[in-house]
Amino acid sequence: MRSDDGPVGQQVLTPAADAASGMLSTVAEHEQRLVQREHDRSRAHAALLTDVLALARDNQRAGLALGTPDQLALLLDASSWRAHDLLAQAQLFDRLPGGLAALQAGMLTEEQTRAVTAQLDRLAPADAELVWQHLQARLTAERDRGINHPPARLTELIRRVIATVLPPELTDQRQRDATADDVTVHRHDDGTTSLTIDGVSGPNTQAALHRIAQHAQPAGSWDSRTDGQRRRDAAVDLLTGRTSLPLEPH
């Protein structure tokens, strides 16, 4: 059966095909905008880390480095954890060859940057640089082939690179160190004890020391405790959840 405009079936299919084509075009536009927004977000995060690093350097020159995380938390309306994490990211990628430039080029998302920091910040500087160079080459080659790594997969990739490029004895030592992660107590003859926490990452160590320093200020002019005693008391108070420093030593 035909009409003046062609076969009847074709008349029905043509509008449907046009609608489907238009929908696919709209979806493609949405996808492109989403990808571009994520790229912009990655570059914005790189700019943020650059500013964080500049602030940290200014504070270091002024002798105010200890207050940088609190300052960041206040400026960014962020948690203390995020402030310390941003500082750790900025300082790590500043040390890595071409690290900040790679972030500025959009190589890593914000989440991927955090994953790289968590793995490389615990390595010795020379080891971190070696792993980064191999990781950067791998990510560049895979990106050209359209391969991307969500944070969890990226973490596994970094661990494989570490196991591949670092000397086996160092990798074995790290595995032994990982099994030794623990909290231990050593008792002294005078009845006191030493509490040791093994396997803490660099950013968490910095955050813990900063919190201890915050709570280790003298209670008054009459406070005769040494700096070390105040830090010890502050650490115990933070671990036990006390809200004020006791006057008697622990």
Protein backbone atom coordinates (compact mmCIF):
# COMPACT_ATOMS: atom_id res chain seq x y z
CA MET A 1 0.00 0.00 0.00
CA ARG A 2 1.34 3.42 -0.98
CA SER A 3 0.37 7.02 -0.43
CA ASP A 4 1.53 10.17 -2.10
CA ASP A 5 4.36 10.45 0.48
CA GLY A 6 5.61 6.89 0.00
CA PRO A 7 4.90 3.52 1.65
CA VAL A 8 2.65 3.71 4.72
CA GLY A 9 5.15 1.81 6.90
CA GLN A 10 7.91 4.23 6.01
CA GLN A 11 5.68 7.16 6.99
CA VAL A 12 5.36 5.64 10.51
CA LEU A 13 9.02 4.73 10.93
CA THR A 14 10.54 7.99 9.78
CA PRO A 15 9.23 10.18 12.66
CA ALA A 16 10.20 7.48 15.19
CA ALA A 17 13.70 7.26 13.73
CA ASP A 18 14.02 11.05 13.82
CA ALA A 19 12.92 11.08 17.48
CA ALA A 20 15.42 8.36 18.40
CA SER A 21 18.20 10.19 16.58
CA GLY A 22 17.35 13.40 18.37
CA MET A 23 17.33 11.61 21.75
CA LEU A 24 20.74 10.06 21.08
CA SER A 25 22.10 13.45 20.13
CA THR A 26 20.75 14.96 23.36
CA VAL A 27 22.25 12.14 25.46
CA ALA A 28 25.62 12.63 23.75
CA GLU A 29 25.52 16.33 24.60
CA HIS A 30 24.76 15.56 28.25
CA GLU A 31 27.62 13.06 28.37
CA GLN A 32 30.03 15.54 26.85
CA ARG A 33 29.06 18.22 29.36
CA LEU A 34 29.48 15.78 32.26
CA VAL A 35 32.94 14.75 31.08
CA GLN A 36 33.95 18.40 30.65
CA ARG A 37 32.67 19.30 34.12
CA GLU A 38 34.74 16.49 35.64
CA HIS A 39 37.83 17.69 33.78
CA ASP A 40 37.18 21.21 35.04
CA ARG A 41 36.74 19.86 38.58
CA SER A 42 40.07 18.06 38.37
CA ARG A 43 41.86 21.20 37.23
CA ALA A 44 40.12 23.23 39.92
CA HIS A 45 41.38 20.75 42.51
CA ALA A 46 44.91 21.14 41.15
CA ALA A 47 44.57 24.92 41.50
CA LEU A 48 43.35 24.46 45.06
CA LEU A 49 46.38 22.32 45.92
CA THR A 50 48.68 24.96 44.39
CA ASP A 51 47.14 27.60 46.66
CA VAL A 52 47.37 25.27 49.66
CA LEU A 53 51.06 24.78 48.95
CA ALA A 54 51.66 28.52 48.62
CA LEU A 55 49.96 29.16 51.96
CA ALA A 56 51.97 26.39 53.63
CA ARG A 57 55.22 27.86 52.31
CA ASP A 58 54.33 31.35 53.55
CA ASN A 59 53.49 29.95 56.98
CA GLN A 60 56.72 27.94 57.02
CA ARG A 61 58.78 31.08 56.36
CA ALA A 62 56.88 32.93 59.09
CA GLY A 63 57.35 30.11 61.60
CA LEU A 64 53.63 29.34 61.58
CA ALA A 65 53.67 25.98 59.80
CA LEU A 66 51.95 24.21 62.69
CA GLY A 67 48.84 26.32 62.23
CA THR A 68 48.40 25.66 58.51
CA PRO A 69 45.86 22.79 58.84
CA ASP A 70 43.65 24.80 61.21
CA GLN A 71 43.88 27.80 58.91
CA LEU A 72 42.86 25.66 55.94
CA ALA A 73 39.95 24.14 57.83
CA LEU A 74 38.71 27.62 58.73
CA LEU A 75 39.17 29.09 55.25
CA LEU A 76 37.56 26.15 53.46
CA ASP A 77 34.91 25.42 56.11
CA ALA A 78 36.33 21.90 56.11
CA SER A 79 37.03 19.20 58.65
CA SER A 80 40.45 18.89 60.24
CA TRP A 81 40.89 15.58 58.40
CA ARG A 82 40.25 17.18 55.00
CA ALA A 83 42.58 20.08 55.79
CA HIS A 84 45.42 17.70 56.67
CA ASP A 85 44.65 15.55 53.62
CA LEU A 86 44.77 18.54 51.26
CA LEU A 87 48.09 19.62 52.75
CA ALA A 88 49.49 16.10 52.35
CA GLN A 89 48.35 15.97 48.71
CA ALA A 90 49.88 19.36 47.92
CA GLN A 91 53.21 18.55 49.53
CA LEU A 92 53.45 15.10 47.93
CA PHE A 93 52.73 16.24 44.37
CA ASP A 94 55.09 19.16 44.82
CA ARG A 95 57.87 16.64 45.54
CA LEU A 96 56.99 14.31 42.67
CA PRO A 97 58.62 15.14 39.30
CA GLY A 98 55.98 16.88 37.21
CA GLY A 99 53.37 16.06 39.85
CA LEU A 100 51.55 19.39 40.04
CA ALA A 101 51.80 19.82 36.26
CA ALA A 102 50.11 16.44 35.78
CA LEU A 103 47.26 17.49 38.06
CA GLN A 104 46.93 20.83 36.29
CA ALA A 105 46.63 18.94 33.00
CA GLY A 106 43.72 16.94 34.44
CA MET A 107 45.51 13.58 34.58
CA LEU A 108 43.90 12.63 37.90
CA THR A 109 40.52 13.33 39.42
CA GLU A 110 40.24 14.61 42.97
CA GLU A 111 39.48 11.10 44.22
CA GLN A 112 42.37 9.58 42.24
CA THR A 113 44.73 12.23 43.64
CA ARG A 114 43.72 11.21 47.14
CA ALA A 115 44.30 7.52 46.30
CA VAL A 116 47.79 8.22 44.94
CA THR A 117 48.64 10.27 48.03
CA ALA A 118 47.50 7.52 50.38
CA GLN A 119 49.85 5.01 48.71
CA LEU A 120 52.91 7.11 47.83
CA ASP A 121 53.06 9.34 50.90
CA ARG A 122 54.05 6.36 53.02
CA LEU A 123 57.09 5.59 50.83
CA ALA A 124 60.57 7.04 51.09
CA PRO A 125 60.90 10.09 48.77
CA ALA A 126 63.17 8.29 46.28
CA ASP A 127 60.84 5.27 46.17
CA ALA A 128 57.78 7.51 45.74
CA GLU A 129 59.42 9.29 42.79
CA LEU A 130 60.31 5.99 41.10
CA VAL A 131 56.80 4.60 41.52
CA TRP A 132 55.26 7.86 40.31
CA GLN A 133 57.35 7.90 37.13
CA HIS A 134 56.20 4.38 36.23
CA LEU A 135 52.61 5.11 37.25
CA GLN A 136 52.49 8.33 35.24
CA ALA A 137 53.77 6.57 32.10
CA ARG A 138 51.23 3.76 32.58
CA LEU A 139 48.30 6.13 33.10
CA THR A 140 49.25 8.24 30.07
CA ALA A 141 49.45 5.18 27.80
CA GLU A 142 46.16 3.77 29.08
CA ARG A 143 44.36 7.09 28.83
CA ASP A 144 45.31 7.24 25.14
CA ARG A 145 43.55 3.87 24.77
CA GLY A 146 40.48 5.09 26.63
CA ILE A 147 41.23 3.15 29.83
CA ASN A 148 40.42 4.81 33.14
CA HIS A 149 40.86 3.64 36.74
CA PRO A 150 38.36 4.39 39.51
CA PRO A 151 40.07 5.07 42.87
CA ALA A 152 39.85 1.47 44.13
CA ARG A 153 41.32 0.04 40.91
CA LEU A 154 43.95 2.77 40.87
CA THR A 155 45.00 1.80 44.39
CA GLU A 156 45.47 -1.80 43.27
CA LEU A 157 47.44 -0.63 40.23
CA ILE A 158 49.77 1.43 42.42
CA ARG A 159 50.37 -1.54 44.68
CA ARG A 160 51.27 -3.67 41.65
CA VAL A 161 53.65 -0.97 40.42
CA ILE A 162 55.28 -0.81 43.85
CA ALA A 163 55.76 -4.57 43.87
CA THR A 164 57.21 -4.43 40.35
CA VAL A 165 59.62 -1.50 40.45
CA LEU A 166 60.93 -1.52 44.01
CA PRO A 167 63.64 -3.98 45.09
CA PRO A 168 62.10 -7.24 46.33
CA GLU A 169 63.76 -6.93 49.71
CA LEU A 170 62.10 -3.56 50.27
CA THR A 171 58.71 -4.91 49.22
CA ASP A 172 59.15 -7.89 51.53
CA GLN A 173 60.12 -5.55 54.35
CA ARG A 174 57.00 -3.46 53.79
CA GLN A 175 54.86 -6.58 53.86
CA ARG A 176 56.49 -7.58 57.14
CA ASP A 177 55.96 -4.08 58.47
CA ALA A 178 52.30 -4.23 57.49
CA THR A 179 51.78 -7.41 59.50
CA ALA A 180 53.41 -5.66 62.48
CA ASP A 181 50.90 -2.77 62.46
CA ASP A 182 49.56 -2.71 65.97
CA VAL A 183 49.29 -0.86 69.26
CA THR A 184 51.72 -2.24 71.81
CA VAL A 185 52.59 -1.56 75.44
CA HIS A 186 56.04 -1.79 77.02
CA ARG A 187 56.24 -1.78 80.82
CA HIS A 188 59.13 -0.07 82.60
CA ASP A 189 60.68 -0.97 85.94
CA ASP A 190 59.35 2.19 87.57
CA GLY A 191 55.75 1.16 86.87
CA THR A 192 55.16 3.46 83.90
CA THR A 193 54.49 2.23 80.38
CA SER A 194 55.22 3.22 76.79
CA LEU A 195 52.29 3.05 74.35
CA THR A 196 53.42 2.59 70.74
CA ILE A 197 51.30 2.84 67.59
CA ASP A 198 52.96 1.21 64.57
CA GLY A 199 52.05 1.62 60.90
CA VAL A 200 50.44 5.08 60.99
CA SER A 201 50.47 6.90 57.64
CA GLY A 202 52.27 10.20 57.21
CA PRO A 203 49.13 12.40 56.97
CA ASN A 204 47.56 10.75 60.02
CA THR A 205 50.79 11.17 61.97
CA GLN A 206 50.87 14.86 61.12
CA ALA A 207 47.23 15.24 62.09
CA ALA A 208 47.77 13.42 65.41
CA LEU A 209 50.85 15.48 66.30
CA HIS A 210 49.00 18.67 65.46
CA ARG A 211 46.07 17.75 67.72
CA ILE A 212 48.47 16.85 70.52
CA ALA A 213 50.27 20.19 70.15
CA GLN A 214 46.93 22.02 70.29
CA HIS A 215 46.07 20.40 73.62
CA ALA A 216 49.57 20.63 75.09
CA GLN A 217 49.55 24.33 75.95
CA PRO A 218 50.41 25.26 79.57
CA ALA A 219 47.35 25.36 81.83
CA GLY A 220 48.66 28.53 83.44
CA SER A 221 51.77 30.25 84.79
CA TRP A 222 51.79 27.72 87.61
CA ASP A 223 51.98 24.73 85.20
CA SER A 224 55.47 23.31 85.86
CA ARG A 225 55.24 20.36 83.49
CA THR A 226 57.88 20.06 80.78
CA ASP A 227 56.95 20.29 77.09
CA GLY A 228 57.24 16.52 76.82
CA GLN A 229 55.03 15.94 79.85
CA ARG A 230 52.35 18.26 78.47
CA ARG A 231 52.41 16.45 75.13
CA ARG A 232 52.14 13.10 76.89
CA ASP A 233 49.20 14.28 78.99
CA ALA A 234 47.49 15.76 75.95
CA ALA A 235 47.87 12.50 74.02
CA VAL A 236 46.35 10.51 76.85
CA ASP A 237 43.48 12.99 77.18
CA LEU A 238 42.71 12.77 73.46
CA LEU A 239 42.81 8.96 73.44
CA THR A 240 40.60 8.65 76.51
CA GLY A 241 38.15 11.35 75.46
CA ARG A 242 38.78 13.71 78.35
CA THR A 243 37.80 17.32 77.77
CA SER A 244 40.33 19.02 80.04
CA LEU A 245 43.91 18.39 81.01
CA PRO A 246 44.38 17.01 84.51
CA LEU A 247 46.78 18.73 86.88
CA GLU A 248 48.38 15.50 88.00
CA PRO A 249 50.69 13.60 85.63
CA HIS A 250 49.44 10.27 84.26
